[in-house]
Amino acid sequence: MSNPEAYKKRINNFWYYYKVPTIIFLLVFAAGIYLFLTHRQSVVSDYDVAIVSPRGCSDEQLEKLRSALEQAGQDQNGDGQVVVTVHLYRFALGADGQDAKAVAGLDADLVGKMSGIFFTEDPAQFEASANGLGKAADAVPVSEIPLLTGCGIDDLYLLIRADADEKYASLRSALNN
């Protein structure tokens, strides 16, 4: 039979010599589990769209647009749901005295290729400001897209990035049907 005193002595000896490595291992293990669960529970957007307008949009308009685009879109990342993220940049293209935060946000969006579809009031000005990333000739008035009527952005134009992924082209074709 095993001696309880010997077992307790072995545990105390182990803890004396391996206390720090054991604590470090447990902390790293707990951090790994936390990161795994956080990543697993995070929602990844299937589509990113941007609205560039000086007047902005209400939360209700943004929600209507988001739900209309989710209806037209397809699950791109295999998580079983269609998620659309709408970025709002509230300023007039080409005007002086712009909000630096909005300008920097749009610049980061354009350089980082976050959004594939843009809604803007002036497609020609957007093309000039975005260095040709969107073609003004390809702009479609939102009022001509049946699925987006009633979203409250009928005076804007839809532009797709010239270098956008194929998923945005399929979303645009779904919107045109």
Protein backbone atom coordinates (compact mmCIF):
# COMPACT_ATOMS: atom_id res chain seq x y z
CA MET A 1 0.00 0.00 0.00
CA SER A 2 1.09 3.58 -0.60
CA ASN A 3 2.11 5.69 2.29
CA PRO A 4 0.03 8.93 2.56
CA GLU A 5 2.99 10.71 4.18
CA ALA A 6 5.29 9.83 1.28
CA TYR A 7 2.71 11.03 -1.23
CA LYS A 8 2.30 14.34 0.60
CA LYS A 9 6.09 14.72 0.77
CA ARG A 10 6.40 14.15 -3.02
CA ILE A 11 3.71 16.77 -3.71
CA ASN A 12 5.43 19.30 -1.45
CA ASN A 13 8.78 18.56 -3.10
CA PHE A 14 7.29 18.99 -6.60
CA TRP A 15 5.61 22.25 -5.60
CA TYR A 16 8.83 23.57 -4.05
CA TYR A 17 10.88 23.01 -7.20
CA TYR A 18 8.27 23.55 -9.93
CA LYS A 19 6.01 26.25 -8.50
CA VAL A 20 6.97 29.02 -10.95
CA PRO A 21 6.92 26.87 -14.13
CA THR A 22 3.58 25.37 -13.10
CA ILE A 23 2.02 28.80 -12.52
CA ILE A 24 3.41 30.10 -15.83
CA PHE A 25 2.05 27.04 -17.66
CA LEU A 26 -1.40 27.48 -16.11
CA LEU A 27 -1.48 31.20 -17.02
CA VAL A 28 -0.43 30.52 -20.62
CA PHE A 29 -2.97 27.70 -20.86
CA ALA A 30 -5.76 29.94 -19.50
CA ALA A 31 -4.78 32.75 -21.93
CA GLY A 32 -4.87 30.28 -24.82
CA ILE A 33 -8.36 29.10 -23.88
CA TYR A 34 -9.52 32.71 -23.53
CA LEU A 35 -8.16 33.66 -26.97
CA PHE A 36 -9.68 30.57 -28.57
CA LEU A 37 -13.12 31.23 -27.09
CA THR A 38 -12.98 34.94 -27.93
CA HIS A 39 -12.04 34.20 -31.54
CA ARG A 40 -14.70 31.53 -31.84
CA GLN A 41 -17.45 33.80 -30.55
CA SER A 42 -16.51 36.85 -32.63
CA VAL A 43 -18.67 37.74 -35.60
CA VAL A 44 -16.80 38.13 -38.88
CA SER A 45 -18.38 40.34 -41.50
CA ASP A 46 -19.17 38.83 -44.90
CA TYR A 47 -19.48 42.22 -46.58
CA ASP A 48 -18.21 45.68 -45.70
CA VAL A 49 -19.91 48.67 -47.29
CA ALA A 50 -19.31 52.37 -46.78
CA ILE A 51 -21.55 55.41 -46.98
CA VAL A 52 -19.72 58.62 -47.87
CA SER A 53 -22.13 61.50 -47.41
CA PRO A 54 -22.06 64.91 -45.75
CA ARG A 55 -25.50 64.44 -44.21
CA GLY A 56 -24.96 60.96 -42.79
CA CYS A 57 -27.75 58.48 -42.11
CA SER A 58 -29.98 57.64 -39.20
CA ASP A 59 -29.64 54.39 -37.31
CA GLU A 60 -32.95 53.26 -38.80
CA GLN A 61 -31.66 53.88 -42.34
CA LEU A 62 -28.44 52.01 -41.59
CA GLU A 63 -30.39 49.05 -40.19
CA LYS A 64 -32.69 48.94 -43.23
CA LEU A 65 -29.68 49.03 -45.55
CA ARG A 66 -27.88 46.36 -43.54
CA SER A 67 -30.87 44.01 -43.55
CA ALA A 68 -31.51 44.56 -47.29
CA LEU A 69 -27.89 43.74 -48.11
CA GLU A 70 -27.96 40.70 -45.81
CA GLN A 71 -31.01 39.42 -47.70
CA ALA A 72 -29.22 39.80 -51.04
CA GLY A 73 -25.86 38.46 -49.87
CA GLN A 74 -24.51 34.98 -49.35
CA ASP A 75 -22.56 33.50 -46.47
CA GLN A 76 -18.94 34.07 -47.53
CA ASN A 77 -17.05 32.76 -44.51
CA GLY A 78 -19.05 29.61 -43.69
CA ASP A 79 -20.33 30.67 -40.28
CA GLY A 80 -23.97 30.10 -41.27
CA GLN A 81 -25.06 33.73 -41.28
CA VAL A 82 -24.75 36.74 -43.57
CA VAL A 83 -23.29 39.74 -41.76
CA VAL A 84 -22.92 43.18 -43.34
CA THR A 85 -20.93 45.94 -41.69
CA VAL A 86 -21.79 49.48 -42.73
CA HIS A 87 -19.11 52.15 -42.28
CA LEU A 88 -20.39 55.74 -42.24
CA TYR A 89 -18.04 58.55 -43.30
CA ARG A 90 -19.85 61.83 -42.80
CA PHE A 91 -18.26 64.54 -44.89
CA ALA A 92 -18.37 66.07 -48.38
CA LEU A 93 -15.72 64.86 -50.79
CA GLY A 94 -13.45 67.60 -52.06
CA ALA A 95 -14.62 70.26 -49.58
CA ASP A 96 -12.25 72.18 -47.33
CA GLY A 97 -12.37 72.04 -43.54
CA GLN A 98 -13.31 68.38 -43.28
CA ASP A 99 -13.49 66.34 -40.10
CA ALA A 100 -9.99 64.83 -39.86
CA LYS A 101 -11.29 61.67 -38.18
CA ALA A 102 -13.76 60.94 -41.01
CA VAL A 103 -11.15 61.68 -43.68
CA ALA A 104 -8.61 59.43 -41.97
CA GLY A 105 -11.25 56.69 -41.61
CA LEU A 106 -12.09 56.79 -45.31
CA ASP A 107 -8.39 56.84 -46.25
CA ALA A 108 -7.77 53.79 -44.07
CA ASP A 109 -10.80 52.09 -45.62
CA LEU A 110 -9.55 52.77 -49.15
CA VAL A 111 -5.94 51.77 -48.50
CA GLY A 112 -6.85 48.74 -46.38
CA LYS A 113 -9.50 47.60 -48.87
CA MET A 114 -12.05 47.19 -46.08
CA SER A 115 -15.18 48.14 -48.00
CA GLY A 116 -16.02 46.75 -51.41
CA ILE A 117 -19.16 48.78 -52.05
CA PHE A 118 -19.55 52.52 -51.53
CA PHE A 119 -22.66 54.67 -51.44
CA THR A 120 -21.90 58.29 -52.28
CA GLU A 121 -23.68 61.42 -53.48
CA ASP A 122 -21.15 62.33 -56.16
CA PRO A 123 -19.58 59.36 -57.98
CA ALA A 124 -17.27 61.54 -60.09
CA GLN A 125 -15.87 63.29 -57.01
CA PHE A 126 -15.47 59.91 -55.29
CA GLU A 127 -13.55 58.55 -58.27
CA ALA A 128 -11.23 61.57 -58.20
CA SER A 129 -10.76 61.40 -54.41
CA ALA A 130 -10.26 57.63 -54.34
CA ASN A 131 -7.64 57.60 -57.10
CA GLY A 132 -9.80 55.62 -59.48
CA LEU A 133 -10.76 52.85 -57.05
CA GLY A 134 -14.39 53.29 -58.05
CA LYS A 135 -15.50 54.06 -61.59
CA ALA A 136 -18.11 56.85 -61.78
CA ALA A 137 -19.36 55.44 -65.10
CA ASP A 138 -20.36 52.22 -63.29
CA ALA A 139 -22.29 54.04 -60.56
CA VAL A 140 -25.93 53.02 -60.18
CA PRO A 141 -28.49 55.28 -58.48
CA VAL A 142 -29.84 53.57 -55.38
CA SER A 143 -33.34 54.62 -56.48
CA GLU A 144 -32.98 52.15 -59.40
CA ILE A 145 -32.22 49.17 -57.12
CA PRO A 146 -35.56 47.67 -56.05
CA LEU A 147 -34.20 45.92 -52.96
CA LEU A 148 -32.76 49.16 -51.56
CA THR A 149 -35.77 51.41 -52.09
CA GLY A 150 -37.21 52.42 -48.78
CA CYS A 151 -33.82 52.45 -47.05
CA GLY A 152 -33.82 56.25 -47.09
CA ILE A 153 -30.69 56.61 -49.21
CA ASP A 154 -32.37 56.90 -52.61
CA ASP A 155 -30.37 60.03 -53.49
CA LEU A 156 -27.05 58.16 -53.28
CA TYR A 157 -25.16 56.16 -55.90
CA LEU A 158 -23.80 52.64 -55.50
CA LEU A 159 -20.19 52.16 -56.57
CA ILE A 160 -18.28 48.90 -56.43
CA ARG A 161 -14.52 49.01 -55.97
CA ALA A 162 -12.66 48.38 -59.21
CA ASP A 163 -10.38 45.94 -57.36
CA ALA A 164 -13.08 44.41 -55.12
CA ASP A 165 -13.38 40.69 -54.48
CA GLU A 166 -15.74 38.60 -56.57
CA LYS A 167 -18.14 38.41 -53.61
CA TYR A 168 -19.01 42.09 -54.05
CA ALA A 169 -19.75 41.58 -57.74
CA SER A 170 -22.13 38.75 -56.84
CA LEU A 171 -23.79 40.98 -54.24
CA ARG A 172 -24.24 43.71 -56.81
CA SER A 173 -25.75 41.30 -59.33
CA ALA A 174 -28.11 40.03 -56.62
CA LEU A 175 -29.15 43.61 -55.90
CA ASN A 176 -29.89 44.24 -59.58
CA ASN A 177 -32.32 41.29 -59.75
